[in-house]
Amino acid sequence: MSIILEAITFLVVIVVLVLVHELGHFIVAKLSGMRVDEFGFGFPPKALTLGKIGETEYTLNWLPLGGFVRIYGEDGSVEGSPEEKARAFASRPRILQALVLLAGVTMNVLLAYVLIVASLVIGNQQELEYGHEGSATHLQMVFASVRPGSPADLAGLKSGDVVTNSVKRDGPLGIGYDGTNPLGLMTLIGSDASLSPMIFSIERDSKPLTITVIPKLNLISSSPNQPAIGVSIVEIGMVKTPLLQAPGDALTVLWNMTTMTAGGLYQFFKGIVTLKADLSQVSGPIGIAGIVGQATATGFGQLLSLAALISINLAIINLIPIPALDGGRLLFVIIEAIIRRPLNAKIAERVNMVGFGLLLLLMVVVTAHDILKLFH
């Protein structure tokens, strides 16, 4: 897939996820009786005004990275007639303010669920257990891991390589294996005590390669006399879930995705506080664009599954009580509910600016790390 197509796919995914998030704020703000002054597609500067429906202006902006909702009085400053002031964000009951702030996160979770259901019905590539292939299609044999310093590693095999053709021994007999069952390949590898070279036809990043590996002994602790090359092998295939079964299965997938994402983000931000954050486990826009491109090449179901994961990430990150995020603004609302008076608008604005600056700095660091990874 070309870089341009990857970038376009990434932009479409991000725009949809952010617009759905903002649509949640928009709908609940309207239902709460707040005045919504603008719904913007993209981020300012403004390119043009698409039109006005009621009191809400719809605009198209130059930065195509999602959108925003501008609610009257959300910055704490309220002016105008008593009727207008009553419809300001800051004037509405704090429970309604909280619901508006939580609406974006809720929409992202609901969207993730819908995307997961769709991806299950369309089909995803999954690791298959031997004897449980069922109705799986497009079966492939893949190297799940390659032991450092092993014959496979030294020959150039990598995790994720797909065996695309027969694997055969180099020699006049040319004994080989052209199936997708890992047991068949492992039997072939361990069947020749003479340790003759093995020729692998593989695919890596959509490019065909031929790599020769010479097995050796003493790689398997339980069977030191068995020839091995130092890889773990899995079988993958396209698995589709029946339409009536998909909604129930999607709940389990959604829960697992959410808990794993929350745990990963917790460990990452804990690492930031303790100065032990591992940036190699984090991707910024450039890294995500590459992952989106790979998912698209794998299949549309895989792309939807990845979009669901990104949507869950967006939801959880927005709940973090950092100023400039929904979670930070929700924290302000909770504090105001406790002290029974509004926070000083200037102090809140400065805290938001600091929070936004820290988020921007983190994004710059992660993006720079993404760029460095491109050259390694």
Protein backbone atom coordinates (compact mmCIF):
# COMPACT_ATOMS: atom_id res chain seq x y z
CA MET A 1 0.00 0.00 0.00
CA SER A 2 1.34 3.42 -0.92
CA ILE A 3 2.18 6.00 1.70
CA ILE A 4 -0.44 8.35 0.26
CA LEU A 5 -3.20 5.74 0.56
CA GLU A 6 -2.08 4.93 4.12
CA ALA A 7 -2.26 8.63 5.01
CA ILE A 8 -5.73 9.01 3.46
CA THR A 9 -7.03 5.92 5.27
CA PHE A 10 -5.57 7.15 8.55
CA LEU A 11 -7.18 10.59 8.10
CA VAL A 12 -10.58 9.05 7.32
CA VAL A 13 -10.41 6.86 10.44
CA ILE A 14 -9.35 9.72 12.72
CA VAL A 15 -11.89 12.17 11.27
CA VAL A 16 -14.75 9.69 11.76
CA LEU A 17 -13.71 8.87 15.34
CA VAL A 18 -13.33 12.52 16.37
CA LEU A 19 -16.53 13.63 14.63
CA VAL A 20 -18.50 10.89 16.39
CA HIS A 21 -16.94 12.02 19.69
CA GLU A 22 -17.97 15.63 19.06
CA LEU A 23 -21.41 14.53 17.86
CA GLY A 24 -21.94 13.07 21.33
CA HIS A 25 -21.21 16.45 22.96
CA PHE A 26 -23.45 18.15 20.38
CA ILE A 27 -26.50 15.90 20.85
CA VAL A 28 -26.45 15.91 24.66
CA ALA A 29 -25.81 19.67 24.80
CA LYS A 30 -28.86 20.23 22.59
CA LEU A 31 -30.98 17.85 24.67
CA SER A 32 -29.79 19.63 27.85
CA GLY A 33 -31.08 22.97 26.59
CA MET A 34 -27.63 24.48 26.02
CA ARG A 35 -26.99 26.79 23.10
CA VAL A 36 -24.58 25.29 20.60
CA ASP A 37 -23.02 28.09 18.58
CA GLU A 38 -20.88 26.08 16.17
CA PHE A 39 -20.23 22.57 14.93
CA GLY A 40 -16.95 22.60 13.05
CA PHE A 41 -15.64 19.98 10.62
CA GLY A 42 -11.87 20.07 11.01
CA PHE A 43 -10.00 22.54 13.21
CA PRO A 44 -9.55 26.30 12.70
CA PRO A 45 -8.69 28.43 10.87
CA LYS A 46 -12.11 28.49 9.25
CA ALA A 47 -12.25 27.76 5.52
CA LEU A 48 -15.93 28.49 4.93
CA THR A 49 -19.36 28.47 6.53
CA LEU A 50 -21.49 25.58 5.30
CA GLY A 51 -24.71 27.05 6.63
CA LYS A 52 -26.74 27.70 9.74
CA ILE A 53 -29.56 25.59 11.15
CA GLY A 54 -31.38 27.26 13.99
CA GLU A 55 -28.79 28.87 16.23
CA THR A 56 -25.93 26.56 15.25
CA GLU A 57 -23.44 27.48 12.56
CA TYR A 58 -21.80 24.63 10.64
CA THR A 59 -18.30 25.35 9.40
CA LEU A 60 -15.53 23.70 7.38
CA ASN A 61 -12.04 24.32 8.70
CA TRP A 62 -8.58 23.95 7.22
CA LEU A 63 -7.07 21.29 9.52
CA PRO A 64 -8.80 17.99 8.55
CA LEU A 65 -8.28 16.15 11.84
CA GLY A 66 -11.79 15.75 13.17
CA GLY A 67 -14.01 18.51 14.45
CA PHE A 68 -15.22 20.51 17.44
CA VAL A 69 -18.36 21.80 19.14
CA ARG A 70 -18.51 25.34 20.52
CA ILE A 71 -21.08 25.59 23.31
CA TYR A 72 -22.12 29.00 24.60
CA GLY A 73 -20.54 29.74 27.98
CA GLU A 74 -18.31 26.65 28.13
CA ASP A 75 -15.30 28.85 28.93
CA GLY A 76 -17.05 30.22 32.00
CA SER A 77 -17.75 33.68 30.58
CA VAL A 78 -21.50 34.31 30.25
CA GLU A 79 -22.95 37.46 28.73
CA GLY A 80 -26.30 38.49 27.31
CA SER A 81 -29.90 38.52 28.46
CA PRO A 82 -31.11 36.41 31.41
CA GLU A 83 -32.73 34.02 28.93
CA GLU A 84 -29.44 33.58 27.05
CA LYS A 85 -27.42 33.21 30.25
CA ALA A 86 -29.78 30.45 31.41
CA ARG A 87 -28.79 28.40 28.34
CA ALA A 88 -25.03 28.75 28.85
CA PHE A 89 -22.98 25.65 29.66
CA ALA A 90 -21.77 27.20 32.92
CA SER A 91 -25.34 28.06 33.96
CA ARG A 92 -26.84 24.63 33.51
CA PRO A 93 -26.98 22.11 36.39
CA ARG A 94 -23.63 20.44 36.94
CA ILE A 95 -25.11 16.99 36.34
CA LEU A 96 -26.01 18.15 32.81
CA GLN A 97 -22.51 19.59 32.35
CA ALA A 98 -21.05 16.23 33.36
CA LEU A 99 -23.34 14.36 30.97
CA VAL A 100 -22.28 16.61 28.08
CA LEU A 101 -18.62 15.99 28.86
CA LEU A 102 -19.14 12.22 29.14
CA ALA A 103 -21.18 12.04 25.93
CA GLY A 104 -18.14 12.11 23.65
CA VAL A 105 -16.50 9.20 25.46
CA THR A 106 -19.77 7.26 25.44
CA MET A 107 -20.15 7.73 21.69
CA ASN A 108 -16.61 6.45 21.10
CA VAL A 109 -17.34 3.30 23.11
CA LEU A 110 -20.64 2.75 21.26
CA LEU A 111 -18.88 3.27 17.92
CA ALA A 112 -16.17 0.79 18.94
CA TYR A 113 -18.86 -1.79 19.73
CA VAL A 114 -20.55 -1.30 16.34
CA LEU A 115 -17.18 -1.56 14.56
CA ILE A 116 -16.33 -4.77 16.44
CA VAL A 117 -19.68 -6.34 15.50
CA ALA A 118 -19.08 -5.42 11.85
CA SER A 119 -15.51 -6.72 11.90
CA LEU A 120 -16.61 -10.06 13.37
CA VAL A 121 -19.30 -10.49 10.71
CA ILE A 122 -16.96 -9.48 7.86
CA GLY A 123 -14.16 -11.62 9.24
CA ASN A 124 -10.76 -11.21 10.88
CA GLN A 125 -7.48 -13.00 10.66
CA GLN A 126 -7.01 -15.04 13.84
CA GLU A 127 -4.58 -17.58 15.22
CA LEU A 128 -6.11 -21.03 14.87
CA GLU A 129 -5.74 -24.00 17.19
CA TYR A 130 -4.79 -27.28 15.57
CA GLY A 131 -7.92 -29.27 14.79
CA HIS A 132 -10.17 -26.22 15.33
CA GLU A 133 -9.85 -24.56 11.94
CA GLY A 134 -13.62 -24.93 11.44
CA SER A 135 -14.87 -22.73 8.61
CA ALA A 136 -11.75 -20.54 8.57
CA THR A 137 -10.56 -19.52 5.11
CA HIS A 138 -7.35 -18.09 3.64
CA LEU A 139 -5.21 -20.28 5.88
CA GLN A 140 -1.58 -19.23 6.29
CA MET A 141 1.42 -20.35 8.30
CA VAL A 142 3.26 -17.53 10.10
CA PHE A 143 6.39 -17.26 12.23
CA ALA A 144 5.04 -15.90 15.52
CA SER A 145 8.51 -15.36 17.03
CA VAL A 146 12.16 -15.84 16.15
CA ARG A 147 14.71 -16.60 18.88
CA PRO A 148 17.61 -14.12 18.89
CA GLY A 149 20.86 -15.73 17.75
CA SER A 150 19.11 -18.83 16.39
CA PRO A 151 19.70 -20.18 12.87
CA ALA A 152 16.42 -18.58 11.74
CA ASP A 153 17.49 -15.21 13.15
CA LEU A 154 20.96 -15.38 11.63
CA ALA A 155 19.49 -16.35 8.25
CA GLY A 156 17.14 -13.35 8.28
CA LEU A 157 13.73 -14.77 9.18
CA LYS A 158 11.55 -12.38 11.19
CA SER A 159 8.44 -12.52 13.32
CA GLY A 160 5.40 -12.05 11.08
CA ASP A 161 6.92 -13.67 7.99
CA VAL A 162 4.29 -15.68 6.10
CA VAL A 163 5.25 -19.02 4.53
CA THR A 164 3.79 -18.63 1.04
CA ASN A 165 5.00 -21.72 -0.73
CA SER A 166 6.53 -25.10 -0.07
CA VAL A 167 9.38 -25.43 2.38
CA LYS A 168 11.91 -27.94 1.14
CA ARG A 169 15.29 -29.33 1.97
CA ASP A 170 18.17 -28.39 -0.25
CA GLY A 171 19.33 -31.53 -2.03
CA PRO A 172 18.55 -33.99 -4.81
CA LEU A 173 15.43 -35.37 -3.12
CA GLY A 174 13.96 -31.96 -2.37
CA ILE A 175 11.67 -33.32 0.35
CA GLY A 176 9.28 -30.54 1.37
CA TYR A 177 6.02 -29.45 2.93
CA ASP A 178 3.45 -27.15 1.30
CA GLY A 179 0.61 -27.13 3.86
CA THR A 180 -0.33 -24.62 6.57
CA ASN A 181 -0.24 -26.89 9.62
CA PRO A 182 2.68 -25.90 11.90
CA LEU A 183 3.05 -29.54 13.03
CA GLY A 184 3.80 -30.53 9.46
CA LEU A 185 6.59 -28.00 9.14
CA MET A 186 8.05 -28.82 12.55
CA THR A 187 8.06 -32.51 11.59
CA LEU A 188 9.97 -31.66 8.41
CA ILE A 189 12.52 -29.56 10.31
CA GLY A 190 13.16 -32.25 12.89
CA SER A 191 13.18 -35.21 10.50
CA ASP A 192 16.72 -34.91 9.13
CA ALA A 193 19.58 -35.55 11.53
CA SER A 194 22.05 -34.60 8.78
CA LEU A 195 21.01 -30.95 9.28
CA SER A 196 20.69 -30.23 5.58
CA PRO A 197 19.73 -26.65 4.63
CA MET A 198 16.06 -25.70 4.34
CA ILE A 199 14.71 -23.30 1.72
CA PHE A 200 11.82 -21.09 2.88
CA SER A 201 9.60 -19.19 0.44
CA ILE A 202 8.08 -16.37 2.49
CA GLU A 203 6.25 -13.08 2.17
CA ARG A 204 7.25 -10.01 4.16
CA ASP A 205 5.51 -6.64 3.77
CA SER A 206 3.84 -7.99 0.60
CA LYS A 207 7.25 -8.85 -0.92
CA PRO A 208 8.31 -12.44 -1.78
CA LEU A 209 11.61 -13.65 -0.35
CA THR A 210 13.57 -16.90 -0.38
CA ILE A 211 15.70 -17.61 2.70
CA THR A 212 17.88 -20.65 3.41
CA VAL A 213 18.24 -21.82 7.02
CA ILE A 214 20.48 -24.57 8.39
CA PRO A 215 18.92 -26.34 11.43
CA LYS A 216 21.03 -27.17 14.46
CA LEU A 217 20.81 -29.28 17.59
CA ASN A 218 20.52 -28.27 21.27
CA LEU A 219 17.91 -25.56 20.61
CA ILE A 220 15.05 -27.44 22.30
CA SER A 221 15.88 -28.13 25.95
CA SER A 222 13.43 -31.04 26.20
CA SER A 223 14.76 -32.62 22.96
CA PRO A 224 18.40 -31.57 22.55
CA ASN A 225 19.01 -34.08 19.74
CA GLN A 226 16.14 -32.81 17.60
CA PRO A 227 17.06 -30.43 14.74
CA ALA A 228 15.44 -26.98 15.09
CA ILE A 229 15.78 -23.47 13.66
CA GLY A 230 14.55 -21.37 16.61
CA VAL A 231 11.04 -20.25 15.65
CA SER A 232 7.51 -20.59 16.96
CA ILE A 233 4.96 -21.19 14.22
CA VAL A 234 1.22 -20.54 14.15
CA GLU A 235 -1.56 -21.05 11.66
CA ILE A 236 -3.84 -18.09 10.96
CA GLY A 237 -7.01 -17.80 8.94
CA MET A 238 -9.98 -15.61 8.16
CA VAL A 239 -12.76 -16.33 10.66
CA LYS A 240 -16.30 -14.98 10.26
CA THR A 241 -18.81 -14.86 13.10
CA PRO A 242 -22.52 -15.58 12.41
CA LEU A 243 -24.63 -12.41 12.42
CA LEU A 244 -26.78 -13.45 15.41
CA GLN A 245 -23.72 -14.46 17.43
CA ALA A 246 -21.62 -11.37 16.68
CA PRO A 247 -23.35 -8.86 19.07
CA GLY A 248 -22.72 -11.12 22.07
CA ASP A 249 -19.14 -11.93 21.08
CA ALA A 250 -18.50 -8.23 20.45
CA LEU A 251 -19.27 -7.42 24.09
CA THR A 252 -16.51 -9.79 25.20
CA VAL A 253 -14.07 -8.34 22.66
CA LEU A 254 -15.01 -4.79 23.69
CA TRP A 255 -14.41 -5.59 27.37
CA ASN A 256 -11.06 -7.23 26.66
CA MET A 257 -9.94 -4.34 24.43
CA THR A 258 -10.99 -1.77 27.04
CA THR A 259 -9.30 -3.45 30.00
CA MET A 260 -6.08 -4.10 28.06
CA THR A 261 -6.00 -0.52 26.74
CA ALA A 262 -6.68 0.95 30.18
CA GLY A 263 -3.96 -1.22 31.71
CA GLY A 264 -1.46 -0.27 29.02
CA LEU A 265 -2.17 3.46 29.36
CA TYR A 266 -1.92 3.21 33.14
CA GLN A 267 1.50 1.61 32.89
CA PHE A 268 2.62 4.22 30.33
CA PHE A 269 1.57 7.26 32.38
CA LYS A 270 2.94 5.62 35.51
CA GLY A 271 6.21 5.32 33.60
CA ILE A 272 6.09 9.02 32.76
CA VAL A 273 5.73 9.92 36.44
CA THR A 274 8.57 7.57 37.43
CA LEU A 275 10.64 8.57 34.36
CA LYS A 276 10.58 4.96 33.12
CA ALA A 277 8.17 5.31 30.20
CA ASP A 278 8.89 2.99 27.26
CA LEU A 279 8.22 4.98 24.08
CA SER A 280 8.83 1.90 21.94
CA GLN A 281 5.39 0.67 23.04
CA VAL A 282 3.64 3.89 22.00
CA SER A 283 2.71 5.14 18.53
CA GLY A 284 1.92 8.68 17.47
CA PRO A 285 0.13 9.77 14.28
CA ILE A 286 2.89 8.50 11.98
CA GLY A 287 3.10 5.12 13.67
CA ILE A 288 -0.69 4.73 13.76
CA ALA A 289 -0.90 5.63 10.06
CA GLY A 290 1.49 2.77 9.28
CA ILE A 291 -0.49 0.33 11.43
CA VAL A 292 -3.74 1.42 9.74
CA GLY A 293 -2.10 0.79 6.37
CA GLN A 294 -1.05 -2.71 7.39
CA ALA A 295 -4.55 -3.47 8.72
CA THR A 296 -6.14 -2.28 5.47
CA ALA A 297 -3.83 -4.55 3.49
CA THR A 298 -4.87 -7.48 5.68
CA GLY A 299 -8.58 -6.90 5.17
CA PHE A 300 -11.48 -4.53 5.81
CA GLY A 301 -12.53 -6.46 8.92
CA GLN A 302 -9.04 -5.98 10.34
CA LEU A 303 -9.25 -2.23 9.62
CA LEU A 304 -12.59 -1.98 11.44
CA SER A 305 -11.15 -3.86 14.41
CA LEU A 306 -8.19 -1.49 14.56
CA ALA A 307 -10.51 1.54 14.26
CA ALA A 308 -12.47 0.15 17.23
CA LEU A 309 -9.25 -0.12 19.24
CA ILE A 310 -8.29 3.48 18.39
CA SER A 311 -11.81 4.62 19.35
CA ILE A 312 -11.43 2.92 22.74
CA ASN A 313 -8.04 4.58 23.18
CA LEU A 314 -9.59 7.96 22.38
CA ALA A 315 -12.37 7.36 24.93
CA ILE A 316 -10.05 6.31 27.76
CA ILE A 317 -7.47 9.05 27.09
CA ASN A 318 -10.25 11.67 27.17
CA LEU A 319 -11.30 10.41 30.61
CA ILE A 320 -7.85 11.07 32.11
CA PRO A 321 -8.21 14.02 34.53
CA ILE A 322 -5.73 16.21 32.66
CA PRO A 323 -6.71 19.83 31.91
CA ALA A 324 -7.73 20.36 28.25
CA LEU A 325 -9.24 16.85 28.10
CA ASP A 326 -12.85 15.94 28.89
CA GLY A 327 -11.65 14.22 32.06
CA GLY A 328 -9.93 17.40 33.24
CA ARG A 329 -13.01 19.50 32.57
CA LEU A 330 -15.13 16.88 34.33
CA LEU A 331 -12.82 17.17 37.33
CA PHE A 332 -13.44 20.93 37.39
CA VAL A 333 -17.21 20.30 37.35
CA ILE A 334 -16.89 17.85 40.26
CA ILE A 335 -14.79 20.34 42.25
CA GLU A 336 -17.36 23.09 41.59
CA ALA A 337 -20.13 20.75 42.76
CA ILE A 338 -18.23 20.12 45.99
CA ILE A 339 -17.35 23.75 46.77
CA ARG A 340 -20.76 24.93 45.44
CA ARG A 341 -19.35 27.80 43.41
CA PRO A 342 -17.61 28.26 40.04
CA LEU A 343 -13.82 28.12 39.86
CA ASN A 344 -11.96 31.28 38.98
CA ALA A 345 -12.21 31.47 35.18
CA LYS A 346 -8.68 32.85 34.74
CA ILE A 347 -7.14 30.13 36.90
CA ALA A 348 -9.07 27.41 35.05
CA GLU A 349 -7.94 28.87 31.71
CA ARG A 350 -4.28 28.91 32.77
CA VAL A 351 -4.45 25.34 34.06
CA ASN A 352 -6.02 24.27 30.76
CA MET A 353 -3.22 25.99 28.83
CA VAL A 354 -0.58 24.16 30.88
CA GLY A 355 -2.36 20.84 30.35
CA PHE A 356 -2.65 21.47 26.61
CA GLY A 357 1.03 22.38 26.46
CA LEU A 358 2.03 19.14 28.20
CA LEU A 359 -0.14 17.09 25.83
CA LEU A 360 1.38 18.89 22.83
CA LEU A 361 4.87 18.20 24.15
CA LEU A 362 4.05 14.51 24.62
CA MET A 363 2.69 14.34 21.07
CA VAL A 364 5.84 15.97 19.67
CA VAL A 365 8.06 13.49 21.56
CA VAL A 366 6.05 10.46 20.43
CA THR A 367 5.92 11.71 16.82
CA ALA A 368 9.68 12.29 16.82
CA HIS A 369 10.13 8.73 18.12
CA ASP A 370 7.90 7.48 15.26
CA ILE A 371 10.11 9.25 12.73
CA LEU A 372 13.28 7.80 14.25
CA LYS A 373 11.79 4.29 14.03
CA LEU A 374 11.34 4.77 10.27
CA PHE A 375 15.12 4.92 9.88
CA HIS A 376 15.88 1.82 11.91
